[in-house]
Amino acid sequence: MSEERFVSTPSAKSEDAAGSPSQGARPAIKSRNSDHDRESGSRTSGPTSLFFDQEVRQSDSSRAEARRQHSVATETADYSVFREVCDRLVAEIKRADDYLVDGSVSETGMEVVVEVEQLLDELYQTRWGKKECLKRIVVTINSQINNVRWTQAHVEFLKDILVLLRNSYLIDDSLIEECYKLIKEHGLDAFRGTISDAEVRKKYRIVEIE
């Protein structure tokens, strides 16, 4: 009886020992598979996210560069138009010297007057200069030459202001001040055509009629 118990006891331990490793092996395999999944997932998502960020930055940079090039091209085109109109104005006003008679532009010189007025209208429509400075300059010039017979003073004023405009890249408030200075230097009326005109030409009296 004692020998049978001695033999059966190792047999039971052997079964326990044989079962123990097999039960521990399954979790170990599952753990390796899980780690492999996580590693493969990180390898897939990492480079994709990086490439996407790079593409977004490149796209933003390309759009910004395209906008900059478009702005430069537009500015260049606007200045070219401005300069071309100024060149034509300077060339046209030089012709007025041929029509000066007794200090005034003769009737035959009206073609120069009409051409200058039309070119000033074109200059008014030109998109150049800071804000509305160019338009204000054109309005100031027109206030001196519209509806008046041109004298040599008008012609000399136009020569100076048009050359100044043609040679100026920056059109701002300082150029408007220069325009008024030239008006005074040539003996013209800086307030002509405005409500600030100090000269009273006619007086009227309103009388009630019974």
N, C-alpha and C. Protein backbone atom coordinates (compact mmCIF):
# COMPACT_ATOMS: atom_id res chain seq x y z
N MET A 1 0.84 -1.22 0.00
CA MET A 1 0.00 0.00 0.00
C MET A 1 0.86 1.25 0.00
N SER A 2 1.89 1.23 0.73
CA SER A 2 2.77 2.39 0.78
C SER A 2 3.49 2.57 -0.52
N GLU A 3 3.83 1.54 -1.26
CA GLU A 3 4.52 1.68 -2.54
C GLU A 3 3.59 2.26 -3.59
N GLU A 4 2.32 1.92 -3.57
CA GLU A 4 1.37 2.47 -4.54
C GLU A 4 1.21 3.97 -4.33
N ARG A 5 1.13 4.45 -3.14
CA ARG A 5 1.00 5.87 -2.88
C ARG A 5 2.25 6.60 -3.32
N PHE A 6 3.39 5.95 -3.16
CA PHE A 6 4.65 6.58 -3.54
C PHE A 6 4.74 6.75 -5.05
N VAL A 7 4.19 5.77 -5.78
CA VAL A 7 4.23 5.82 -7.24
C VAL A 7 3.22 6.81 -7.77
N SER A 8 2.01 6.89 -7.20
CA SER A 8 0.94 7.75 -7.71
C SER A 8 1.22 9.22 -7.46
N THR A 9 1.94 9.54 -6.43
CA THR A 9 2.18 10.95 -6.10
C THR A 9 3.03 11.66 -7.15
N PRO A 10 4.15 11.08 -7.59
CA PRO A 10 4.91 11.73 -8.67
C PRO A 10 4.12 11.84 -9.96
N SER A 11 3.24 10.89 -10.22
CA SER A 11 2.43 10.94 -11.44
C SER A 11 1.54 12.16 -11.42
N ALA A 12 0.93 12.49 -10.29
CA ALA A 12 0.05 13.66 -10.17
C ALA A 12 0.83 14.94 -10.34
N LYS A 13 2.05 14.98 -9.73
CA LYS A 13 2.87 16.17 -9.88
C LYS A 13 3.31 16.37 -11.31
N SER A 14 3.56 15.25 -11.97
CA SER A 14 4.00 15.34 -13.38
C SER A 14 2.91 15.93 -14.24
N GLU A 15 1.63 15.57 -14.01
CA GLU A 15 0.53 16.12 -14.78
C GLU A 15 0.39 17.62 -14.51
N ASP A 16 0.56 18.00 -13.20
CA ASP A 16 0.45 19.42 -12.89
C ASP A 16 1.56 20.20 -13.56
N ALA A 17 2.75 19.62 -13.56
CA ALA A 17 3.88 20.32 -14.17
C ALA A 17 3.71 20.41 -15.66
N ALA A 18 3.12 19.36 -16.26
CA ALA A 18 2.91 19.37 -17.71
C ALA A 18 1.85 20.37 -18.10
N GLY A 19 0.81 20.53 -17.28
CA GLY A 19 -0.28 21.46 -17.58
C GLY A 19 0.10 22.90 -17.33
N SER A 20 0.97 23.12 -16.40
CA SER A 20 1.31 24.49 -16.02
C SER A 20 1.94 25.28 -17.14
N PRO A 21 2.92 24.71 -17.85
CA PRO A 21 3.52 25.48 -18.94
C PRO A 21 2.55 25.77 -20.07
N SER A 22 1.67 24.85 -20.41
CA SER A 22 0.74 25.05 -21.51
C SER A 22 -0.25 26.16 -21.20
N GLN A 23 -0.65 26.28 -19.90
CA GLN A 23 -1.57 27.34 -19.53
C GLN A 23 -0.89 28.71 -19.58
N GLY A 24 0.39 28.79 -19.26
CA GLY A 24 1.09 30.07 -19.28
C GLY A 24 1.51 30.49 -20.67
N ALA A 25 1.59 29.58 -21.61
CA ALA A 25 2.07 29.90 -22.95
C ALA A 25 1.05 30.70 -23.73
N ARG A 26 -0.26 30.46 -23.56
CA ARG A 26 -1.29 31.15 -24.34
C ARG A 26 -1.31 32.64 -24.07
N PRO A 27 -1.28 33.11 -22.83
CA PRO A 27 -1.23 34.57 -22.62
C PRO A 27 0.01 35.20 -23.21
N ALA A 28 1.15 34.48 -23.17
CA ALA A 28 2.40 35.04 -23.70
C ALA A 28 2.27 35.27 -25.19
N ILE A 29 1.68 34.37 -25.94
CA ILE A 29 1.51 34.51 -27.39
C ILE A 29 0.57 35.65 -27.69
N LYS A 30 -0.51 35.80 -26.92
CA LYS A 30 -1.47 36.87 -27.12
C LYS A 30 -0.81 38.22 -26.88
N SER A 31 0.04 38.28 -25.86
CA SER A 31 0.72 39.52 -25.54
C SER A 31 1.64 39.93 -26.69
N ARG A 32 2.36 38.97 -27.27
CA ARG A 32 3.25 39.31 -28.38
C ARG A 32 2.47 39.79 -29.58
N ASN A 33 1.34 39.17 -29.86
CA ASN A 33 0.51 39.62 -30.98
C ASN A 33 -0.02 41.03 -30.75
N SER A 34 -0.43 41.33 -29.49
CA SER A 34 -0.96 42.64 -29.17
C SER A 34 0.11 43.71 -29.34
N ASP A 35 1.34 43.38 -28.86
CA ASP A 35 2.44 44.33 -29.01
C ASP A 35 2.75 44.56 -30.47
N HIS A 36 2.69 43.50 -31.26
CA HIS A 36 2.96 43.62 -32.68
C HIS A 36 1.94 44.51 -33.38
N ASP A 37 0.66 44.39 -32.95
CA ASP A 37 -0.38 45.24 -33.53
C ASP A 37 -0.14 46.70 -33.21
N ARG A 38 0.23 46.97 -31.96
CA ARG A 38 0.47 48.35 -31.59
C ARG A 38 1.66 48.92 -32.33
N GLU A 39 2.73 48.10 -32.48
CA GLU A 39 3.91 48.58 -33.19
C GLU A 39 3.60 48.84 -34.66
N SER A 40 2.85 47.93 -35.28
CA SER A 40 2.52 48.12 -36.69
C SER A 40 1.61 49.33 -36.89
N GLY A 41 0.70 49.57 -35.93
CA GLY A 41 -0.18 50.73 -36.01
C GLY A 41 0.59 52.02 -35.89
N SER A 42 1.55 52.10 -35.01
CA SER A 42 2.32 53.32 -34.85
C SER A 42 3.18 53.58 -36.07
N ARG A 43 3.69 52.52 -36.69
CA ARG A 43 4.50 52.72 -37.89
C ARG A 43 3.64 53.23 -39.04
N THR A 44 2.37 52.85 -39.06
CA THR A 44 1.49 53.27 -40.16
C THR A 44 1.04 54.71 -40.00
N SER A 45 0.68 55.12 -38.77
CA SER A 45 0.10 56.44 -38.55
C SER A 45 1.15 57.54 -38.49
N GLY A 46 2.32 57.26 -37.99
CA GLY A 46 3.34 58.29 -37.82
C GLY A 46 3.76 58.96 -39.11
N PRO A 47 4.34 58.26 -40.07
CA PRO A 47 4.77 58.89 -41.32
C PRO A 47 3.63 59.52 -42.10
N THR A 48 2.43 58.92 -42.06
CA THR A 48 1.30 59.47 -42.79
C THR A 48 0.94 60.86 -42.27
N SER A 49 0.91 61.01 -40.94
CA SER A 49 0.61 62.30 -40.33
C SER A 49 1.68 63.32 -40.68
N LEU A 50 2.94 62.91 -40.67
CA LEU A 50 4.04 63.81 -40.98
C LEU A 50 3.97 64.29 -42.42
N PHE A 51 3.72 63.34 -43.33
CA PHE A 51 3.61 63.72 -44.75
C PHE A 51 2.43 64.67 -44.98
N PHE A 52 1.32 64.43 -44.28
CA PHE A 52 0.14 65.29 -44.43
C PHE A 52 0.44 66.72 -43.98
N ASP A 53 1.13 66.85 -42.83
CA ASP A 53 1.50 68.18 -42.34
C ASP A 53 2.41 68.89 -43.31
N GLN A 54 3.35 68.16 -43.89
CA GLN A 54 4.26 68.78 -44.86
C GLN A 54 3.50 69.24 -46.10
N GLU A 55 2.54 68.46 -46.57
CA GLU A 55 1.76 68.83 -47.74
C GLU A 55 0.92 70.08 -47.46
N VAL A 56 0.36 70.18 -46.24
CA VAL A 56 -0.44 71.35 -45.88
C VAL A 56 0.43 72.59 -45.86
N ARG A 57 1.62 72.48 -45.26
CA ARG A 57 2.52 73.64 -45.21
C ARG A 57 2.96 74.05 -46.61
N GLN A 58 3.27 73.08 -47.46
CA GLN A 58 3.68 73.40 -48.82
C GLN A 58 2.54 74.05 -49.59
N SER A 59 1.31 73.58 -49.37
CA SER A 59 0.15 74.16 -50.05
C SER A 59 -0.08 75.60 -49.61
N ASP A 60 0.00 75.87 -48.29
CA ASP A 60 -0.16 77.23 -47.78
C ASP A 60 0.93 78.14 -48.33
N SER A 61 2.15 77.64 -48.38
CA SER A 61 3.26 78.44 -48.90
C SER A 61 3.08 78.76 -50.37
N SER A 62 2.57 77.79 -51.12
CA SER A 62 2.35 78.00 -52.56
C SER A 62 1.27 79.05 -52.79
N ARG A 63 0.19 78.99 -52.01
CA ARG A 63 -0.88 79.98 -52.16
C ARG A 63 -0.39 81.38 -51.79
N ALA A 64 0.42 81.48 -50.72
CA ALA A 64 0.94 82.79 -50.32
C ALA A 64 1.86 83.36 -51.40
N GLU A 65 2.68 82.52 -51.99
CA GLU A 65 3.57 82.98 -53.05
C GLU A 65 2.79 83.39 -54.29
N ALA A 66 1.72 82.68 -54.59
CA ALA A 66 0.89 83.03 -55.75
C ALA A 66 0.21 84.38 -55.52
N ARG A 67 -0.27 84.62 -54.29
CA ARG A 67 -0.89 85.92 -53.99
C ARG A 67 0.13 87.05 -54.08
N ARG A 68 1.35 86.79 -53.61
CA ARG A 68 2.39 87.82 -53.66
C ARG A 68 2.73 88.16 -55.11
N GLN A 69 2.89 87.14 -55.95
CA GLN A 69 3.21 87.37 -57.35
C GLN A 69 2.09 88.11 -58.06
N HIS A 70 0.84 87.77 -57.72
CA HIS A 70 -0.30 88.46 -58.33
C HIS A 70 -0.33 89.92 -57.92
N SER A 71 -0.04 90.20 -56.64
CA SER A 71 -0.02 91.58 -56.16
C SER A 71 1.08 92.39 -56.84
N VAL A 72 2.25 91.79 -57.00
CA VAL A 72 3.36 92.49 -57.67
C VAL A 72 3.03 92.77 -59.12
N ALA A 73 2.43 91.78 -59.79
CA ALA A 73 2.07 91.95 -61.20
C ALA A 73 1.02 93.05 -61.37
N THR A 74 0.04 93.09 -60.47
CA THR A 74 -1.00 94.12 -60.53
C THR A 74 -0.42 95.50 -60.29
N GLU A 75 0.46 95.61 -59.30
CA GLU A 75 1.09 96.89 -59.00
C GLU A 75 1.93 97.38 -60.17
N THR A 76 2.66 96.47 -60.80
CA THR A 76 3.48 96.84 -61.95
C THR A 76 2.61 97.32 -63.10
N ALA A 77 1.51 96.64 -63.34
CA ALA A 77 0.61 97.03 -64.43
C ALA A 77 -0.02 98.40 -64.16
N ASP A 78 -0.44 98.65 -62.92
CA ASP A 78 -1.05 99.93 -62.57
C ASP A 78 -0.06 101.08 -62.74
N TYR A 79 1.18 100.85 -62.33
CA TYR A 79 2.18 101.91 -62.47
C TYR A 79 2.49 102.17 -63.95
N SER A 80 2.51 101.13 -64.74
CA SER A 80 2.78 101.29 -66.17
C SER A 80 1.71 102.17 -66.82
N VAL A 81 0.45 101.95 -66.47
CA VAL A 81 -0.64 102.77 -67.00
C VAL A 81 -0.48 104.21 -66.54
N PHE A 82 -0.21 104.41 -65.26
CA PHE A 82 -0.02 105.75 -64.71
C PHE A 82 1.11 106.48 -65.43
N ARG A 83 2.23 105.82 -65.60
CA ARG A 83 3.39 106.46 -66.23
C ARG A 83 3.12 106.76 -67.71
N GLU A 84 2.42 105.88 -68.39
CA GLU A 84 2.12 106.07 -69.81
C GLU A 84 1.23 107.30 -70.02
N VAL A 85 0.22 107.49 -69.16
CA VAL A 85 -0.66 108.65 -69.26
C VAL A 85 0.12 109.93 -68.95
N CYS A 86 0.98 109.89 -67.94
CA CYS A 86 1.79 111.06 -67.61
C CYS A 86 2.72 111.43 -68.75
N ASP A 87 3.31 110.45 -69.41
CA ASP A 87 4.20 110.72 -70.55
C ASP A 87 3.44 111.43 -71.67
N ARG A 88 2.23 110.98 -71.92
CA ARG A 88 1.42 111.62 -72.98
C ARG A 88 1.03 113.05 -72.59
N LEU A 89 0.74 113.27 -71.32
CA LEU A 89 0.39 114.61 -70.85
C LEU A 89 1.57 115.57 -71.00
N VAL A 90 2.76 115.12 -70.59
CA VAL A 90 3.95 115.97 -70.69
C VAL A 90 4.24 116.32 -72.15
N ALA A 91 4.11 115.32 -73.03
CA ALA A 91 4.36 115.57 -74.45
C ALA A 91 3.33 116.53 -75.04
N GLU A 92 2.09 116.42 -74.60
CA GLU A 92 1.03 117.26 -75.15
C GLU A 92 1.15 118.71 -74.68
N ILE A 93 1.47 118.92 -73.41
CA ILE A 93 1.53 120.29 -72.91
C ILE A 93 2.71 121.05 -73.51
N LYS A 94 3.73 120.36 -73.94
CA LYS A 94 4.85 121.03 -74.61
C LYS A 94 4.41 121.66 -75.93
N ARG A 95 3.40 121.11 -76.55
CA ARG A 95 2.90 121.65 -77.81
C ARG A 95 2.19 122.99 -77.63
N ALA A 96 1.79 123.27 -76.40
CA ALA A 96 1.06 124.53 -76.15
C ALA A 96 1.92 125.75 -76.43
N ASP A 97 3.24 125.62 -76.32
CA ASP A 97 4.12 126.75 -76.60
C ASP A 97 3.95 127.27 -78.03
N ASP A 98 3.59 126.38 -78.94
CA ASP A 98 3.43 126.78 -80.34
C ASP A 98 2.18 127.63 -80.56
N TYR A 99 1.29 127.65 -79.58
CA TYR A 99 0.01 128.36 -79.76
C TYR A 99 -0.12 129.54 -78.81
N LEU A 100 0.96 129.94 -78.15
CA LEU A 100 0.90 131.09 -77.26
C LEU A 100 1.01 132.38 -78.08
N VAL A 101 0.00 133.20 -77.97
CA VAL A 101 -0.05 134.48 -78.68
C VAL A 101 -0.41 135.56 -77.66
N ASP A 102 0.49 136.53 -77.51
CA ASP A 102 0.27 137.62 -76.54
C ASP A 102 0.01 137.08 -75.13
N GLY A 103 0.71 136.03 -74.76
CA GLY A 103 0.61 135.50 -73.40
C GLY A 103 -0.55 134.58 -73.15
N SER A 104 -1.31 134.22 -74.20
CA SER A 104 -2.46 133.32 -74.03
C SER A 104 -2.47 132.29 -75.15
N VAL A 105 -3.11 131.17 -74.91
CA VAL A 105 -3.25 130.12 -75.93
C VAL A 105 -4.32 130.56 -76.92
N SER A 106 -3.97 130.56 -78.19
CA SER A 106 -4.89 131.02 -79.24
C SER A 106 -6.00 130.00 -79.48
N GLU A 107 -6.96 130.40 -80.32
CA GLU A 107 -8.08 129.52 -80.64
C GLU A 107 -7.60 128.25 -81.34
N THR A 108 -6.57 128.37 -82.14
CA THR A 108 -6.05 127.17 -82.84
C THR A 108 -5.40 126.19 -81.87
N GLY A 109 -5.06 126.67 -80.69
CA GLY A 109 -4.45 125.78 -79.70
C GLY A 109 -5.46 125.04 -78.84
N MET A 110 -6.75 125.17 -79.17
CA MET A 110 -7.77 124.48 -78.38
C MET A 110 -7.66 122.97 -78.48
N GLU A 111 -7.05 122.48 -79.55
CA GLU A 111 -6.87 121.03 -79.66
C GLU A 111 -5.97 120.51 -78.55
N VAL A 112 -4.98 121.33 -78.17
CA VAL A 112 -4.11 120.94 -77.06
C VAL A 112 -4.89 120.96 -75.75
N VAL A 113 -5.70 121.99 -75.56
CA VAL A 113 -6.51 122.11 -74.34
C VAL A 113 -7.44 120.91 -74.19
N VAL A 114 -8.13 120.55 -75.27
CA VAL A 114 -9.06 119.41 -75.22
C VAL A 114 -8.33 118.10 -74.95
N GLU A 115 -7.18 117.91 -75.57
CA GLU A 115 -6.41 116.67 -75.38
C GLU A 115 -5.91 116.55 -73.95
N VAL A 116 -5.43 117.65 -73.39
CA VAL A 116 -4.94 117.63 -72.00
C VAL A 116 -6.09 117.31 -71.04
N GLU A 117 -7.24 117.91 -71.27
CA GLU A 117 -8.39 117.64 -70.40
C GLU A 117 -8.81 116.17 -70.46
N GLN A 118 -8.79 115.58 -71.65
CA GLN A 118 -9.14 114.17 -71.79
C GLN A 118 -8.12 113.27 -71.10
N LEU A 119 -6.85 113.60 -71.24
CA LEU A 119 -5.81 112.80 -70.59
C LEU A 119 -5.87 112.93 -69.07
N LEU A 120 -6.25 114.09 -68.58
CA LEU A 120 -6.42 114.24 -67.14
C LEU A 120 -7.58 113.38 -66.63
N ASP A 121 -8.61 113.24 -67.45
CA ASP A 121 -9.71 112.33 -67.09
C ASP A 121 -9.21 110.89 -67.01
N GLU A 122 -8.35 110.50 -67.94
CA GLU A 122 -7.76 109.16 -67.89
C GLU A 122 -6.90 108.99 -66.64
N LEU A 123 -6.13 110.03 -66.32
CA LEU A 123 -5.28 109.96 -65.13
C LEU A 123 -6.12 109.83 -63.87
N TYR A 124 -7.28 110.48 -63.85
CA TYR A 124 -8.17 110.39 -62.70
C TYR A 124 -8.64 108.95 -62.46
N GLN A 125 -8.82 108.21 -63.54
CA GLN A 125 -9.29 106.83 -63.44
C GLN A 125 -8.18 105.84 -63.15
N THR A 126 -6.94 106.29 -63.18
CA THR A 126 -5.81 105.40 -62.97
C THR A 126 -5.74 104.94 -61.52
N ARG A 127 -5.52 103.64 -61.31
CA ARG A 127 -5.42 103.08 -59.96
C ARG A 127 -3.96 103.10 -59.52
N TRP A 128 -3.53 104.26 -59.05
CA TRP A 128 -2.16 104.38 -58.57
C TRP A 128 -2.12 105.41 -57.46
N GLY A 129 -1.16 105.25 -56.55
CA GLY A 129 -1.01 106.18 -55.45
C GLY A 129 -1.72 105.72 -54.19
N LYS A 130 -1.44 106.39 -53.10
CA LYS A 130 -2.04 106.06 -51.81
C LYS A 130 -3.46 106.62 -51.74
N LYS A 131 -4.37 105.74 -51.44
CA LYS A 131 -5.79 106.09 -51.26
C LYS A 131 -6.29 106.89 -52.46
N GLU A 132 -6.80 108.12 -52.19
CA GLU A 132 -7.38 108.95 -53.25
C GLU A 132 -6.48 110.14 -53.61
N CYS A 133 -5.19 110.05 -53.31
CA CYS A 133 -4.30 111.19 -53.51
C CYS A 133 -4.20 111.60 -54.98
N LEU A 134 -4.10 110.65 -55.89
CA LEU A 134 -3.99 110.99 -57.30
C LEU A 134 -5.26 111.68 -57.79
N LYS A 135 -6.40 111.22 -57.38
CA LYS A 135 -7.67 111.85 -57.76
C LYS A 135 -7.73 113.29 -57.24
N ARG A 136 -7.28 113.51 -56.03
CA ARG A 136 -7.30 114.85 -55.45
C ARG A 136 -6.37 115.79 -56.23
N ILE A 137 -5.23 115.27 -56.66
CA ILE A 137 -4.31 116.09 -57.44
C ILE A 137 -4.94 116.48 -58.78
N VAL A 138 -5.57 115.53 -59.43
CA VAL A 138 -6.20 115.81 -60.73
C VAL A 138 -7.31 116.85 -60.55
N VAL A 139 -8.11 116.72 -59.49
CA VAL A 139 -9.17 117.70 -59.23
C VAL A 139 -8.58 119.09 -59.01
N THR A 140 -7.47 119.15 -58.29
CA THR A 140 -6.81 120.44 -58.05
C THR A 140 -6.30 121.06 -59.34
N ILE A 141 -5.72 120.24 -60.21
CA ILE A 141 -5.24 120.74 -61.51
C ILE A 141 -6.40 121.24 -62.34
N ASN A 142 -7.47 120.47 -62.39
CA ASN A 142 -8.63 120.88 -63.19
C ASN A 142 -9.25 122.18 -62.68
N SER A 143 -9.17 122.41 -61.38
CA SER A 143 -9.74 123.63 -60.83
C SER A 143 -9.06 124.88 -61.38
N GLN A 144 -7.83 124.72 -61.88
CA GLN A 144 -7.08 125.86 -62.40
C GLN A 144 -7.25 126.07 -63.91
N ILE A 145 -7.65 125.05 -64.63
CA ILE A 145 -7.63 125.15 -66.10
C ILE A 145 -9.00 124.98 -66.74
N ASN A 146 -9.99 124.53 -66.00
CA ASN A 146 -11.32 124.34 -66.58
C ASN A 146 -12.06 125.67 -66.72
N ASN A 147 -12.74 125.83 -67.86
CA ASN A 147 -13.59 127.01 -68.09
C ASN A 147 -12.82 128.32 -67.95
N VAL A 148 -11.61 128.33 -68.45
CA VAL A 148 -10.81 129.54 -68.42
C VAL A 148 -9.88 129.52 -69.64
N ARG A 149 -9.59 130.70 -70.16
CA ARG A 149 -8.65 130.78 -71.27
C ARG A 149 -7.23 130.65 -70.73
N TRP A 150 -6.51 129.69 -71.27
CA TRP A 150 -5.18 129.42 -70.74
C TRP A 150 -4.22 130.56 -71.06
N THR A 151 -3.48 130.97 -70.05
CA THR A 151 -2.40 131.94 -70.24
C THR A 151 -1.07 131.20 -70.14
N GLN A 152 0.01 131.93 -70.30
CA GLN A 152 1.32 131.31 -70.17
C GLN A 152 1.53 130.78 -68.76
N ALA A 153 0.93 131.43 -67.76
CA ALA A 153 1.03 130.95 -66.38
C ALA A 153 0.39 129.57 -66.23
N HIS A 154 -0.75 129.36 -66.88
CA HIS A 154 -1.41 128.05 -66.83
C HIS A 154 -0.53 126.99 -67.50
N VAL A 155 0.05 127.32 -68.63
CA VAL A 155 0.89 126.37 -69.36
C VAL A 155 2.12 126.00 -68.54
N GLU A 156 2.77 126.99 -67.92
CA GLU A 156 3.97 126.72 -67.13
C GLU A 156 3.63 125.91 -65.88
N PHE A 157 2.49 126.21 -65.29
CA PHE A 157 2.04 125.42 -64.14
C PHE A 157 1.83 123.96 -64.53
N LEU A 158 1.16 123.74 -65.66
CA LEU A 158 0.91 122.37 -66.11
C LEU A 158 2.21 121.64 -66.41
N LYS A 159 3.16 122.33 -67.02
CA LYS A 159 4.45 121.69 -67.30
C LYS A 159 5.10 121.20 -66.01
N ASP A 160 5.14 122.06 -65.00
CA ASP A 160 5.82 121.72 -63.74
C ASP A 160 5.12 120.59 -63.00
N ILE A 161 3.79 120.68 -62.87
CA ILE A 161 3.09 119.66 -62.09
C ILE A 161 3.05 118.32 -62.81
N LEU A 162 2.95 118.33 -64.13
CA LEU A 162 2.89 117.07 -64.86
C LEU A 162 4.24 116.36 -64.88
N VAL A 163 5.33 117.13 -64.99
CA VAL A 163 6.66 116.53 -64.90
C VAL A 163 6.89 115.96 -63.50
N LEU A 164 6.44 116.70 -62.49
CA LEU A 164 6.56 116.22 -61.12
C LEU A 164 5.80 114.91 -60.93
N LEU A 165 4.61 114.82 -61.46
CA LEU A 165 3.83 113.59 -61.37
C LEU A 165 4.52 112.44 -62.08
N ARG A 166 5.00 112.70 -63.29
CA ARG A 166 5.63 111.64 -64.07
C ARG A 166 6.87 111.07 -63.38
N ASN A 167 7.60 111.92 -62.69
CA ASN A 167 8.84 111.48 -62.05
C ASN A 167 8.64 110.97 -60.63
N SER A 168 7.41 110.93 -60.17
CA SER A 168 7.12 110.48 -58.80
C SER A 168 6.56 109.07 -58.82
N TYR A 169 7.18 108.20 -58.05
CA TYR A 169 6.65 106.83 -57.89
C TYR A 169 5.64 106.79 -56.75
N LEU A 170 5.94 107.52 -55.67
CA LEU A 170 5.04 107.57 -54.53
C LEU A 170 4.12 108.77 -54.67
N ILE A 171 2.83 108.51 -54.75
CA ILE A 171 1.83 109.57 -54.84
C ILE A 171 1.08 109.62 -53.52
N ASP A 172 1.39 110.64 -52.71
CA ASP A 172 0.76 110.74 -51.39
C ASP A 172 0.40 112.20 -51.09
N ASP A 173 0.09 112.49 -49.83
CA ASP A 173 -0.34 113.83 -49.44
C ASP A 173 0.73 114.89 -49.69
N SER A 174 1.99 114.50 -49.59
CA SER A 174 3.07 115.48 -49.81
C SER A 174 3.05 116.02 -51.23
N LEU A 175 2.63 115.20 -52.18
CA LEU A 175 2.57 115.66 -53.57
C LEU A 175 1.40 116.63 -53.78
N ILE A 176 0.34 116.46 -53.01
CA ILE A 176 -0.77 117.41 -53.07
C ILE A 176 -0.31 118.79 -52.58
N GLU A 177 0.48 118.80 -51.52
CA GLU A 177 1.02 120.06 -51.02
C GLU A 177 1.92 120.72 -52.06
N GLU A 178 2.72 119.92 -52.77
CA GLU A 178 3.58 120.46 -53.82
C GLU A 178 2.74 121.08 -54.95
N CYS A 179 1.61 120.48 -55.23
CA CYS A 179 0.72 120.99 -56.27
C CYS A 179 0.23 122.39 -55.89
N TYR A 180 -0.18 122.60 -54.64
CA TYR A 180 -0.64 123.91 -54.19
C TYR A 180 0.50 124.93 -54.19
N LYS A 181 1.70 124.49 -53.87
CA LYS A 181 2.85 125.40 -53.91
C LYS A 181 3.09 125.90 -55.33
N LEU A 182 2.98 125.01 -56.31
CA LEU A 182 3.18 125.41 -57.70
C LEU A 182 2.09 126.37 -58.17
N ILE A 183 0.89 126.16 -57.69
CA ILE A 183 -0.21 127.08 -58.04
C ILE A 183 0.13 128.50 -57.58
N LYS A 184 0.62 128.64 -56.36
CA LYS A 184 0.97 129.95 -55.84
C LYS A 184 2.19 130.53 -56.55
N GLU A 185 3.18 129.68 -56.85
CA GLU A 185 4.39 130.15 -57.51
C GLU A 185 4.10 130.74 -58.89
N HIS A 186 3.09 130.21 -59.57
CA HIS A 186 2.75 130.69 -60.91
C HIS A 186 1.66 131.76 -60.88
N GLY A 187 1.34 132.24 -59.70
CA GLY A 187 0.39 133.34 -59.59
C GLY A 187 -1.05 132.97 -59.86
N LEU A 188 -1.40 131.71 -59.71
CA LEU A 188 -2.77 131.26 -59.93
C LEU A 188 -3.54 131.27 -58.60
N ASP A 189 -4.85 131.09 -58.70
CA ASP A 189 -5.71 131.17 -57.53
C ASP A 189 -5.92 129.76 -56.95
N ALA A 190 -5.35 129.55 -55.77
CA ALA A 190 -5.45 128.22 -55.14
C ALA A 190 -6.88 127.88 -54.74
N PHE A 191 -7.75 128.90 -54.59
CA PHE A 191 -9.12 128.66 -54.15
C PHE A 191 -10.12 128.73 -55.29
N ARG A 192 -9.63 128.77 -56.51
CA ARG A 192 -10.55 128.88 -57.64
C ARG A 192 -11.46 127.67 -57.72
N GLY A 193 -12.75 127.94 -57.86
CA GLY A 193 -13.72 126.85 -57.99
C GLY A 193 -14.14 126.21 -56.69
N THR A 194 -13.74 126.81 -55.56
CA THR A 194 -14.12 126.25 -54.27
C THR A 194 -14.95 127.27 -53.50
N ILE A 195 -15.57 126.84 -52.43
CA ILE A 195 -16.39 127.74 -51.62
C ILE A 195 -15.52 128.68 -50.79
N SER A 196 -14.20 128.42 -50.80
CA SER A 196 -13.29 129.27 -50.04
C SER A 196 -12.79 130.45 -50.86
N ASP A 197 -13.28 130.60 -52.09
CA ASP A 197 -12.84 131.69 -52.95
C ASP A 197 -13.19 133.02 -52.28
N ALA A 198 -12.17 133.85 -52.08
CA ALA A 198 -12.39 135.12 -51.37
C ALA A 198 -12.93 136.21 -52.28
N GLU A 199 -12.80 136.03 -53.58
CA GLU A 199 -13.22 137.08 -54.51
C GLU A 199 -14.73 137.04 -54.72
N VAL A 200 -15.38 138.18 -54.59
CA VAL A 200 -16.82 138.30 -54.81
C VAL A 200 -17.03 138.97 -56.16
N ARG A 201 -17.59 138.24 -57.10
CA ARG A 201 -17.73 138.76 -58.46
C ARG A 201 -19.04 139.53 -58.65
N LYS A 202 -20.12 139.01 -58.10
CA LYS A 202 -21.42 139.65 -58.25
C LYS A 202 -22.20 139.59 -56.94
N LYS A 203 -23.03 140.61 -56.74
CA LYS A 203 -23.89 140.63 -55.58
C LYS A 203 -25.34 140.67 -56.04
N TYR A 204 -26.21 139.97 -55.32
CA TYR A 204 -27.62 139.94 -55.69
C TYR A 204 -28.46 140.35 -54.48
N ARG A 205 -29.56 140.99 -54.77
CA ARG A 205 -30.49 141.40 -53.72
C ARG A 205 -31.85 140.78 -54.01
N ILE A 206 -32.41 140.15 -53.01
CA ILE A 206 -33.72 139.54 -53.15
C ILE A 206 -34.78 140.55 -52.70
N VAL A 207 -35.70 140.91 -53.60
CA VAL A 207 -36.72 141.91 -53.29
C VAL A 207 -38.08 141.25 -53.35
N GLU A 208 -38.89 141.47 -52.34
CA GLU A 208 -40.23 140.87 -52.31
C GLU A 208 -41.15 141.67 -53.24
N ILE A 209 -41.87 140.94 -54.08
CA ILE A 209 -42.80 141.57 -55.02
C ILE A 209 -44.22 141.45 -54.45
N GLU A 210 -44.91 142.60 -54.35
CA GLU A 210 -46.28 142.58 -53.79
C GLU A 210 -47.29 142.21 -54.86
